[in-house]
Structure formats: structure tokens, C-alpha cells
Amino acid sequence: MADILADMRRTHHCNQLGKEDIGREVVLMGWVQRRRDHGGVIFVDLRDREGITQVVFNPEVDSRVHAKAHALRSEYVIGVRGKVDPRPEGMVNPKLKTGAVEVTVTELKILNRAETPPFLIEDQVDASETIRLKYRHLDLRRPRIQRNLLLRHRAAAAVRRFLDGQGFVDVETPFLTRSTPEGARDYLVPSRVNPGRFYALPQSPQIFKQLLMVAGLDRYYQIVRCFRDEDLRADRQPEFTQIDMEMSFVGEEDIMAVSEQMIREVFKQVLDMDLDLPFKRLTYDEAIGRYGLDKPDTRFGLELADISDIVAGAGFKVFAEVVKKGGIVKALNAKGCIGMSRKDIDDLTDFAAVYRAKGLAWIKVRDDAWQSPIAKFFTDAEKAALAERIGMEPGDLVFFVADQPKVVNEALGHLRNHLGRKLNLIDEKQFQFVWVTEFPMFEYDPDARRYEALHHPFTAPLEDDYELLETDPARVRSRAYDLVLNGFEIGGGSIRIHQMEIQRRVFAALGMEPEAYEEKFGFLLEALKSGAPPHGGIAFGFDRLVMLLCGQDSIRDVIAFPKTQKAACLLTDAPAPASPAQLDELNIRVRKLAPAGSAK
């Protein structure tokens, strides 16, 4: 059988050769990164996934091979045979691992030609993301993207080795299942053999991993694809990968300990970094109180201060009225930022408005007085109390937001993160982990006029709060926990409800009638009656974790074939229309949408 490679077989990757290989005959294969003609001698940077080696075509060594090399262009696929030589004095490239040597070519095979690519295959590329995603097969050749994917592979391998050593069993769960309420929209899949009925792609394997615990598997894990039809941003995708885990006969401490050990192993294997255990812990109330957000970035200070009690009776009526109506007032002290201009403050006010803050009051602390439109409304006693609570000193600039708690915390929490970046307070090389625990069990939806599960309806409430399920659901705390890294939630889980009666009470607190939850979750309730052990678990956002390990700003740069923010694949032009025959077979009729701007 004919073989284009004939007797040429690769002996090394393009990042392997060094001084110890001088004099050796080698075979390299890869892509032409660039070609340079220097006075008759042709130099080619040959690239594969591991790196670059310089290969040399010298007419004095082999004139026929040299003549053939004149045809080489960027991204041609070639194989070369030759001898490893030291680079001439003054020509060593310390930036390359192979920069001390070059390969003098004695045989060249052009394995495939290539058209000029739409952008340079280099780390620093000026092409738009749209172009890069349209030609993702070329974008994936860039060294940075390949390094990210190789790191992703090593991280996944480290997870599998660790969990296997801890007695976890890798079990695959179904992708075609039924729709369950987990907070985001489901992707629906029509059933051809069951006309008018639909599967849902899983938002997580939540119910199945609980059933595996009921079945006695004891410890389960899966690196699994999940799907959510939600609005996208830099750290979200419609299909994503998570490290899914579940354990029997455990409490929160057991799951946190295993999770910390796994993360420590990943960081050691991937970054050769030693993490200190255990990670810091905050309750939900502490995180919101100090940082405004339930995923705090703890790499810098700028903690918030609640001053509601101080201003409740103050002469500044805006603050006093908010407190009177059940709201709060919080402050953020930007230490030493008195030099910010009025335009800077206006820009920060606009930033806070994105998070529904109706205004951003401020005070500049000078040596002799406070400079602010609101300073005159406070008595000396109130000023002294504020200065002590907030830590106000000359040179500081203090910001205030007064509103309902959710608005105040979100506005100042995000403003804190924004100022942390703007003022260069964050050490980007630092990794700060923190567990956030005891989340509220429920949150009230004013539109639906009922409570919703903050995480999912299978999370167990704290036993101390059982009695509040019927009387005051808003005060019920859950046995949920999130692991936060540098302000990103990378993992979340909980101890599950393993007793049927408690599960029924939680469904009732969510406003679900017995008929409704029996229809949706009857199989789960049946399983709980079969002797379910106490169990719990956690799921880590693998894409987000890898993004942070790689030091990237977007998970799209650590996923081989990501979607855009409109959930489209530019490479394959998906999603695409289905043919009439396919729709007929599925008993689906597509409604024709009116053109944009139409009255209909």
C-alpha cells in the first residue's frame, strides 16, 4: 500500500532537541511557521504542538533539497530528515528550548500545501474573535491555545488519578432525560418515537448521582458535559464540562476535605504549586457583609462597612428614609484615593448604576474637613462614629450606597472588584480560595409570588432550621457550600435530602402541590423510601477552573470548539434550520417569525 511518508517516520517533536543531540540524524514533522532566505541559505521555523525547531536548507549540503525548499510557504505541512548541528556563534535563540541547535536538512517531503491563512498563527494575533472562531481549526494551531488545551488535559488526568485513588467510581449518566427545574432553561430534544414528547439535556447529573448513592455505589464521579440555555458571558457556555462528585455517609467537612485535596493535587501536577490546606471559610452572611458578593475576591482589602445604625437618625434624610423602609446603607473606603477627579467619581457612579444603584454618595477626607455635598448633614458625633466604623483617615475617598440590601451589596461588591483592578490592588499571580457556607435555602420570586430554591430543591436545610420550613422559609439556611477562587465560583454543592418527609416539606415550601412533585419527582421520592443513605456532593466548573489555571480571561480560550455569546458555532454554522422532512418526522411545525421592525 502506497504511503506518502514512505520510510520517513518522526523521531522527535519540535521542542525536544538540544545540545546533547548534536550529530544525531533526526526526522521532524510539522507546519512551516515562517521561511527566511538569507543569501541562498533557507531557514524554516518548523512548528508542532510541542514547540519550534529551526531547520536549514543549505545548497552546499544538498542542492536538490535546497531547490525544493524554495516552494515552501507558511502553514505547509512538511517532513524533514537531517543532522542536528549547533547554531553558529551569535545565532543562539535563548527564547526557544531548541534555540541552541538547528537541523541541517538532507531530505524534504512536502506532505500538503496550504493557502495563506486569514491570520498569522502566532500568540499575538490582531484578528477579531469572530474570525478566529470561524477558522477555529487554524486558531487551535496557535501555541497559546494549544498550551491551554494541553494543560486542560493534564488537569483532567490529575483529577481522574486522584479520585480513582480515593475509591470513586466513574459512572456515565444519561444525556437524554426529563426536564427538571434547576434554575436555567433546558435544551429540549424532540422524541421521534414518542410524538409530542421531549427529552431535556441535563443541566447536571444531579438526580442520577443521588440515585447512585441510593443504589449503594458509595463514591461516584464523572467529568461530564452539561447544558444550560442561558444568557452567556466570558465565563459561561451553553455546553460546559464539570467534575461531578457524590459521596455517601458524609457531612460537609468530608466533602470539603476531599475537594481541597483534589484541588491541591491538580495545582501540584499542573503548575507545580503547593497549596496550603484547609482553605479559608466564610458563611454566606459574612461574605455578603464584608464583600457584598457570595463569591468574594479575597486577594485584596476594601471591605464594606454597614453604617445603617449610625445614619438611621441622621440629618441626611436620604439615608435615614432608606433605613426606615427596611433598607441598608453601606460604605466602601478607597484608601488614599482623594485625588480622584469629579469625572472619575461620575464614571464610578455610572458603574454602580449598572447594578441598579440609584446613586453613589461620596466623601473626601481632608486634613481639616470632609469635602462632600452630604458632609453638612452629619453631626460631629455621627462623623466620629462613621470615621471609626469605616476607618476614615486624611487622604481617603469613601463611597456610600443606600437601598434595599440586594442592590446595596451587589453595587458595592462589584464596585469593590472594579476598584481593586483599577487601583492595581490585585496580585494576579496569587490564588486565593475561600469556602462560602450556609447559603439561604430559598429566595422569594415576586413575579411568581412564591419561594424558589437558591441552589436546587434537593439541598438539605440545616437541622436547626427545620421548624422554619412552614413558618418562615426566608430564614432557612441550607447545607450548601461553594468554593470560590479569586472571585470566581469554581465549585458548588450541598448535603442532599435523604429522607422523604423532609423532601416533601421542602417541595411544599416551594409552593409545589403533591400532584406536581409526584409527577416530576415521583421516582426520586420512591428511591428515598428505599433506604437512602445520608449523602452529598459537589460539582466543579472544569472550564472555569482551567481558565484560572491558564491565566486566561475567557473560558472560550480553554475550550477546543466554543460557542459565541449568542450560543452559535461559527465554524460549523450551528444552530442551523432543520429540513421539512426532519420536522415532519418529529411532528414539529416551525412558526415563521416576522421580520425585524415589523408591526407583527
Foldseek 3Di string as FASTA:
>chain_A
DDDLCVPQDFDDEAQPDAPVQAFPKGKYKAWFQAWDQDPLKIWTFGDDQVGTAIEIEHCVQPVVVSVVCVPDDGGFIKMFIFGKHADPPPQADPVGSHRGIHGYTDDMRRPGDDDDDPWRLEPDTPDDPLSCLQPLVSVCSRNLLSVLQVLLVQLVVLLVVLVVVVLADEDDDDQFADDDDFPFDWDWAFDLVDFPDTTTGAQDCVLVVLLVLLVPSFKYWYFDKGAGPDFDDQADFRIFTKIWIKGFPDAPVVQQVSVQVSVQSSCCRRVVDGDDDDAAEDAQVRCCQFQLDSQAQPQFHQTKFWCLVLCCPWQPVVSVVLVVVVKTKMKTKPALVLVDDPVNVVVLQVQLVVLVFPGKFKWAAAPVAIDGPCRVRGDPVSVVVVCVRRVDDHNMMMIMTIHHSNSRSVSRNVSVVVVCVVVVVGDLVDKHKYKYFFAQQWDADVVVRAIAGPGHLFFAWDPVCLVCLPPPSRPITTQKMFMHISRRTFKIKHWTDLALVSSVSSCVNRVHDPVRCCVVPVVSSVSSVSDRGGMMIMMGRSLSVSCSVSSHSGSVSSDSQGADSVNARSNVGPPDDDDPVVCVSNVHDDDDDDDPPDPD
